[in-house]
Amino acid sequence: MDAFADLLAANAAYAAHFALGDLDAPPRRHLAVVTCMDCRIDPLAILGLEPGDAHILRNAGARVTPDVLRSLVKSVLQLGVSQVVVMAHSDCGAAKIVLADLRARVLDATGNDPVDVEFHLIADPDATLRLDVETLCDHPYLPAGVDVLGLYYDVTSGVAAPVVTAVIG
């Protein structure tokens, strides 16, 4: 537990002045953002948002995976989301990894070969972002009329540039 003492102390300080307990689960801006887990990305700050404005879904590579799609179905159909941003970024680790090397690291560390794991690596960032937006738009459980924006965020300049827009349906 000592390894996390600083985090628990920080939470105690946060909770002592917590003022967001009245936020509703549906996002005020009817927005969901799919982005990478990279610690250099602060999606609220990048997009000028505040807590309560958007659902934020994060994974390695900002990929539109089956779990992201599952979450977006709930966001859209249960919680009123009508806009989705997929925000990839420069210098992404998912674009640098060689699958064989990653599998070897897992095997060395655990004794298990992750042959059945889809790591959703990125060979071409632009094409991958376009494919992920297309995957989202083609999902059979997302209704027509949801606006989708594919952004590419530059981690060195802070600029998020539009790459592709679409409307489901």
C-alpha atoms as a PDB file:
ATOM      1  CA  MET A   1       0.000   0.000   0.000  1.00  0.00           C
ATOM      2  CA  ASP A   2       2.961   2.336   0.592  1.00  0.00           C
ATOM      3  CA  ALA A   3       3.614   2.379  -3.145  1.00  0.00           C
ATOM      4  CA  PHE A   4       0.328   4.248  -3.556  1.00  0.00           C
ATOM      5  CA  ALA A   5       0.454   6.464  -0.459  1.00  0.00           C
ATOM      6  CA  ASP A   6       1.088   9.611  -2.509  1.00  0.00           C
ATOM      7  CA  LEU A   7      -1.934   8.895  -4.700  1.00  0.00           C
ATOM      8  CA  LEU A   8      -4.199   8.253  -1.736  1.00  0.00           C
ATOM      9  CA  ALA A   9      -2.992  11.444  -0.044  1.00  0.00           C
ATOM     10  CA  ALA A  10      -3.654  13.397  -3.225  1.00  0.00           C
ATOM     11  CA  ASN A  11      -7.149  11.915  -3.385  1.00  0.00           C
ATOM     12  CA  ALA A  12      -7.851  12.923   0.186  1.00  0.00           C
ATOM     13  CA  ALA A  13      -6.901  16.521  -0.671  1.00  0.00           C
ATOM     14  CA  TYR A  14      -9.036  16.374  -3.827  1.00  0.00           C
ATOM     15  CA  ALA A  15     -12.042  14.942  -2.000  1.00  0.00           C
ATOM     16  CA  ALA A  16     -11.790  17.607   0.706  1.00  0.00           C
ATOM     17  CA  HIS A  17     -12.658  20.263  -1.897  1.00  0.00           C
ATOM     18  CA  PHE A  18     -14.673  18.111  -4.318  1.00  0.00           C
ATOM     19  CA  ALA A  19     -17.376  20.117  -6.091  1.00  0.00           C
ATOM     20  CA  LEU A  20     -18.395  17.891  -9.006  1.00  0.00           C
ATOM     21  CA  GLY A  21     -20.745  15.525  -7.200  1.00  0.00           C
ATOM     22  CA  ASP A  22     -23.816  16.987  -8.891  1.00  0.00           C
ATOM     23  CA  LEU A  23     -22.680  16.274 -12.472  1.00  0.00           C
ATOM     24  CA  ASP A  24     -25.030  14.123 -14.519  1.00  0.00           C
ATOM     25  CA  ALA A  25     -23.825  10.990 -16.337  1.00  0.00           C
ATOM     26  CA  PRO A  26     -25.004  12.247 -19.760  1.00  0.00           C
ATOM     27  CA  PRO A  27     -22.331  14.620 -21.086  1.00  0.00           C
ATOM     28  CA  ARG A  28     -23.444  18.261 -21.356  1.00  0.00           C
ATOM     29  CA  ARG A  29     -21.917  18.641 -24.827  1.00  0.00           C
ATOM     30  CA  HIS A  30     -23.425  15.347 -26.081  1.00  0.00           C
ATOM     31  CA  LEU A  31     -19.857  14.421 -27.014  1.00  0.00           C
ATOM     32  CA  ALA A  32     -17.656  11.349 -26.717  1.00  0.00           C
ATOM     33  CA  VAL A  33     -13.907  11.437 -27.363  1.00  0.00           C
ATOM     34  CA  VAL A  34     -11.886   8.348 -28.233  1.00  0.00           C
ATOM     35  CA  THR A  35      -8.199   8.973 -27.678  1.00  0.00           C
ATOM     36  CA  CYS A  36      -4.948   7.337 -26.698  1.00  0.00           C
ATOM     37  CA  MET A  37      -3.798   6.444 -23.202  1.00  0.00           C
ATOM     38  CA  ASP A  38      -0.589   8.424 -23.820  1.00  0.00           C
ATOM     39  CA  CYS A  39       0.074  10.580 -20.750  1.00  0.00           C
ATOM     40  CA  ARG A  40       0.888  13.603 -22.932  1.00  0.00           C
ATOM     41  CA  ILE A  41      -2.747  13.852 -24.023  1.00  0.00           C
ATOM     42  CA  ASP A  42      -5.200  15.880 -21.926  1.00  0.00           C
ATOM     43  CA  PRO A  43      -8.359  15.640 -24.042  1.00  0.00           C
ATOM     44  CA  LEU A  44     -10.349  18.119 -21.938  1.00  0.00           C
ATOM     45  CA  ALA A  45      -7.696  20.816 -22.254  1.00  0.00           C
ATOM     46  CA  ILE A  46      -6.937  20.083 -25.912  1.00  0.00           C
ATOM     47  CA  LEU A  47     -10.596  20.463 -26.913  1.00  0.00           C
ATOM     48  CA  GLY A  48     -11.547  23.248 -24.489  1.00  0.00           C
ATOM     49  CA  LEU A  49     -13.797  21.011 -22.413  1.00  0.00           C
ATOM     50  CA  GLU A  50     -14.639  20.816 -18.724  1.00  0.00           C
ATOM     51  CA  PRO A  51     -15.495  17.815 -16.533  1.00  0.00           C
ATOM     52  CA  GLY A  52     -19.034  16.771 -17.391  1.00  0.00           C
ATOM     53  CA  ASP A  53     -18.800  17.893 -21.039  1.00  0.00           C
ATOM     54  CA  ALA A  54     -17.828  14.591 -22.680  1.00  0.00           C
ATOM     55  CA  HIS A  55     -17.304  10.884 -22.255  1.00  0.00           C
ATOM     56  CA  ILE A  56     -13.596  10.108 -22.641  1.00  0.00           C
ATOM     57  CA  LEU A  57     -12.621   6.636 -23.880  1.00  0.00           C
ATOM     58  CA  ARG A  58      -8.906   5.839 -23.876  1.00  0.00           C
ATOM     59  CA  ASN A  59      -6.837   2.932 -25.103  1.00  0.00           C
ATOM     60  CA  ALA A  60      -3.440   2.271 -26.672  1.00  0.00           C
ATOM     61  CA  GLY A  61      -3.456   3.999 -30.053  1.00  0.00           C
ATOM     62  CA  ALA A  62      -6.892   5.669 -29.818  1.00  0.00           C
ATOM     63  CA  ARG A  63      -8.284   2.693 -31.722  1.00  0.00           C
ATOM     64  CA  VAL A  64     -11.954   2.014 -32.396  1.00  0.00           C
ATOM     65  CA  THR A  65     -11.965  -1.480 -30.911  1.00  0.00           C
ATOM     66  CA  PRO A  66     -14.926  -3.719 -30.092  1.00  0.00           C
ATOM     67  CA  ASP A  67     -14.880  -2.410 -26.518  1.00  0.00           C
ATOM     68  CA  VAL A  68     -14.889   1.214 -27.693  1.00  0.00           C
ATOM     69  CA  LEU A  69     -17.847   0.423 -29.951  1.00  0.00           C
ATOM     70  CA  ARG A  70     -19.670  -1.231 -27.029  1.00  0.00           C
ATOM     71  CA  SER A  71     -19.108   1.866 -24.914  1.00  0.00           C
ATOM     72  CA  LEU A  72     -20.181   4.214 -27.703  1.00  0.00           C
ATOM     73  CA  VAL A  73     -23.442   2.304 -28.194  1.00  0.00           C
ATOM     74  CA  LYS A  74     -24.223   3.024 -24.547  1.00  0.00           C
ATOM     75  CA  SER A  75     -23.050   6.648 -24.823  1.00  0.00           C
ATOM     76  CA  VAL A  76     -25.185   7.316 -27.881  1.00  0.00           C
ATOM     77  CA  LEU A  77     -28.312   5.297 -27.167  1.00  0.00           C
ATOM     78  CA  GLN A  78     -28.456   5.548 -23.392  1.00  0.00           C
ATOM     79  CA  LEU A  79     -26.723   8.839 -22.559  1.00  0.00           C
ATOM     80  CA  GLY A  80     -27.495  11.167 -25.444  1.00  0.00           C
ATOM     81  CA  VAL A  81     -24.165  11.466 -27.256  1.00  0.00           C
ATOM     82  CA  SER A  82     -24.600  12.827 -30.785  1.00  0.00           C
ATOM     83  CA  GLN A  83     -20.978  13.665 -31.661  1.00  0.00           C
ATOM     84  CA  VAL A  84     -17.883  11.460 -31.529  1.00  0.00           C
ATOM     85  CA  VAL A  85     -14.277  12.588 -31.918  1.00  0.00           C
ATOM     86  CA  VAL A  86     -11.585  10.018 -32.623  1.00  0.00           C
ATOM     87  CA  MET A  87      -8.281  11.720 -31.761  1.00  0.00           C
ATOM     88  CA  ALA A  88      -5.067   9.970 -32.777  1.00  0.00           C
ATOM     89  CA  HIS A  89      -1.689  11.610 -32.191  1.00  0.00           C
ATOM     90  CA  SER A  90       1.891  11.999 -33.314  1.00  0.00           C
ATOM     91  CA  ASP A  91       4.710   9.955 -31.784  1.00  0.00           C
ATOM     92  CA  CYS A  92       2.272   7.198 -30.779  1.00  0.00           C
ATOM     93  CA  GLY A  93       3.768   4.082 -29.244  1.00  0.00           C
ATOM     94  CA  ALA A  94       1.221   1.905 -31.079  1.00  0.00           C
ATOM     95  CA  ALA A  95       2.847   3.065 -34.331  1.00  0.00           C
ATOM     96  CA  LYS A  96       6.353   2.193 -33.123  1.00  0.00           C
ATOM     97  CA  ILE A  97       5.816  -1.325 -31.807  1.00  0.00           C
ATOM     98  CA  VAL A  98       6.881  -4.341 -33.838  1.00  0.00           C
ATOM     99  CA  LEU A  99       4.393  -7.123 -33.125  1.00  0.00           C
ATOM    100  CA  ALA A 100       7.012  -9.874 -32.995  1.00  0.00           C
ATOM    101  CA  ASP A 101       9.045  -7.873 -30.470  1.00  0.00           C
ATOM    102  CA  LEU A 102       6.000  -7.199 -28.285  1.00  0.00           C
ATOM    103  CA  ARG A 103       5.002 -10.860 -28.339  1.00  0.00           C
ATOM    104  CA  ALA A 104       8.567 -11.844 -27.395  1.00  0.00           C
ATOM    105  CA  ARG A 105       8.547  -9.386 -24.461  1.00  0.00           C
ATOM    106  CA  VAL A 106       5.261 -10.798 -23.180  1.00  0.00           C
ATOM    107  CA  LEU A 107       6.538 -14.346 -23.567  1.00  0.00           C
ATOM    108  CA  ASP A 108       9.801 -13.512 -21.765  1.00  0.00           C
ATOM    109  CA  ALA A 109       8.024 -11.716 -18.913  1.00  0.00           C
ATOM    110  CA  THR A 110       5.140 -14.126 -18.375  1.00  0.00           C
ATOM    111  CA  GLY A 111       5.877 -17.410 -20.123  1.00  0.00           C
ATOM    112  CA  ASN A 112       2.700 -16.914 -22.170  1.00  0.00           C
ATOM    113  CA  ASP A 113       2.585 -16.173 -25.894  1.00  0.00           C
ATOM    114  CA  PRO A 114      -0.152 -13.593 -26.663  1.00  0.00           C
ATOM    115  CA  VAL A 115      -0.775 -15.057 -30.110  1.00  0.00           C
ATOM    116  CA  ASP A 116      -4.535 -14.577 -29.668  1.00  0.00           C
ATOM    117  CA  VAL A 117      -4.326 -10.897 -28.611  1.00  0.00           C
ATOM    118  CA  GLU A 118      -5.168  -8.200 -31.168  1.00  0.00           C
ATOM    119  CA  PHE A 119      -2.922  -5.295 -30.171  1.00  0.00           C
ATOM    120  CA  HIS A 120      -4.375  -2.896 -32.797  1.00  0.00           C
ATOM    121  CA  LEU A 121      -0.977  -1.603 -33.865  1.00  0.00           C
ATOM    122  CA  ILE A 122      -0.660   1.277 -36.320  1.00  0.00           C
ATOM    123  CA  ALA A 123       1.320   0.991 -39.566  1.00  0.00           C
ATOM    124  CA  ASP A 124      -0.015   4.163 -41.246  1.00  0.00           C
ATOM    125  CA  PRO A 125      -1.465   6.746 -38.796  1.00  0.00           C
ATOM    126  CA  ASP A 126      -3.565   8.612 -41.373  1.00  0.00           C
ATOM    127  CA  ALA A 127      -5.010   5.465 -42.937  1.00  0.00           C
ATOM    128  CA  THR A 128      -5.627   3.966 -39.480  1.00  0.00           C
ATOM    129  CA  LEU A 129      -7.544   7.044 -38.313  1.00  0.00           C
ATOM    130  CA  ARG A 130      -9.665   6.969 -41.462  1.00  0.00           C
ATOM    131  CA  LEU A 131     -10.289   3.244 -41.011  1.00  0.00           C
ATOM    132  CA  ASP A 132     -11.306   3.737 -37.373  1.00  0.00           C
ATOM    133  CA  VAL A 133     -13.799   6.464 -38.334  1.00  0.00           C
ATOM    134  CA  GLU A 134     -15.168   4.186 -41.053  1.00  0.00           C
ATOM    135  CA  THR A 135     -15.420   1.304 -38.572  1.00  0.00           C
ATOM    136  CA  LEU A 136     -17.378   3.511 -36.206  1.00  0.00           C
ATOM    137  CA  CYS A 137     -19.684   4.696 -38.989  1.00  0.00           C
ATOM    138  CA  ASP A 138     -20.324   1.136 -40.196  1.00  0.00           C
ATOM    139  CA  HIS A 139     -21.226  -0.235 -36.777  1.00  0.00           C
ATOM    140  CA  PRO A 140     -24.728  -1.749 -36.968  1.00  0.00           C
ATOM    141  CA  TYR A 141     -25.770  -0.661 -33.463  1.00  0.00           C
ATOM    142  CA  LEU A 142     -25.022   3.041 -33.812  1.00  0.00           C
ATOM    143  CA  PRO A 143     -27.912   5.058 -35.233  1.00  0.00           C
ATOM    144  CA  ALA A 144     -27.849   7.360 -38.232  1.00  0.00           C
ATOM    145  CA  GLY A 145     -27.178  11.033 -37.651  1.00  0.00           C
ATOM    146  CA  VAL A 146     -24.238  10.868 -35.223  1.00  0.00           C
ATOM    147  CA  ASP A 147     -21.485  13.283 -36.319  1.00  0.00           C
ATOM    148  CA  VAL A 148     -17.930  11.906 -36.312  1.00  0.00           C
ATOM    149  CA  LEU A 149     -14.633  13.803 -36.496  1.00  0.00           C
ATOM    150  CA  GLY A 150     -11.209  12.227 -36.881  1.00  0.00           C
ATOM    151  CA  LEU A 151      -8.488  14.473 -35.446  1.00  0.00           C
ATOM    152  CA  TYR A 152      -4.716  14.131 -35.444  1.00  0.00           C
ATOM    153  CA  TYR A 153      -3.112  15.746 -32.403  1.00  0.00           C
ATOM    154  CA  ASP A 154       0.518  16.862 -32.563  1.00  0.00           C
ATOM    155  CA  VAL A 155       2.106  16.236 -29.151  1.00  0.00           C
ATOM    156  CA  THR A 156       4.872  18.781 -29.828  1.00  0.00           C
ATOM    157  CA  SER A 157       2.737  21.745 -30.967  1.00  0.00           C
ATOM    158  CA  GLY A 158      -0.617  21.093 -29.253  1.00  0.00           C
ATOM    159  CA  VAL A 159      -2.477  21.410 -32.570  1.00  0.00           C
ATOM    160  CA  ALA A 160      -5.368  19.034 -33.259  1.00  0.00           C
ATOM    161  CA  ALA A 161      -5.963  18.986 -37.018  1.00  0.00           C
ATOM    162  CA  PRO A 162      -9.078  17.571 -38.677  1.00  0.00           C
ATOM    163  CA  VAL A 163      -8.356  14.569 -40.919  1.00  0.00           C
ATOM    164  CA  VAL A 164     -11.816  13.199 -41.709  1.00  0.00           C
ATOM    165  CA  THR A 165     -15.442  13.972 -40.952  1.00  0.00           C
ATOM    166  CA  ALA A 166     -18.428  11.708 -41.340  1.00  0.00           C
ATOM    167  CA  VAL A 167     -22.033  11.231 -40.303  1.00  0.00           C
ATOM    168  CA  ILE A 168     -23.269   7.793 -39.333  1.00  0.00           C
ATOM    169  CA  GLY A 169     -25.950   6.548 -41.659  1.00  0.00           C
END
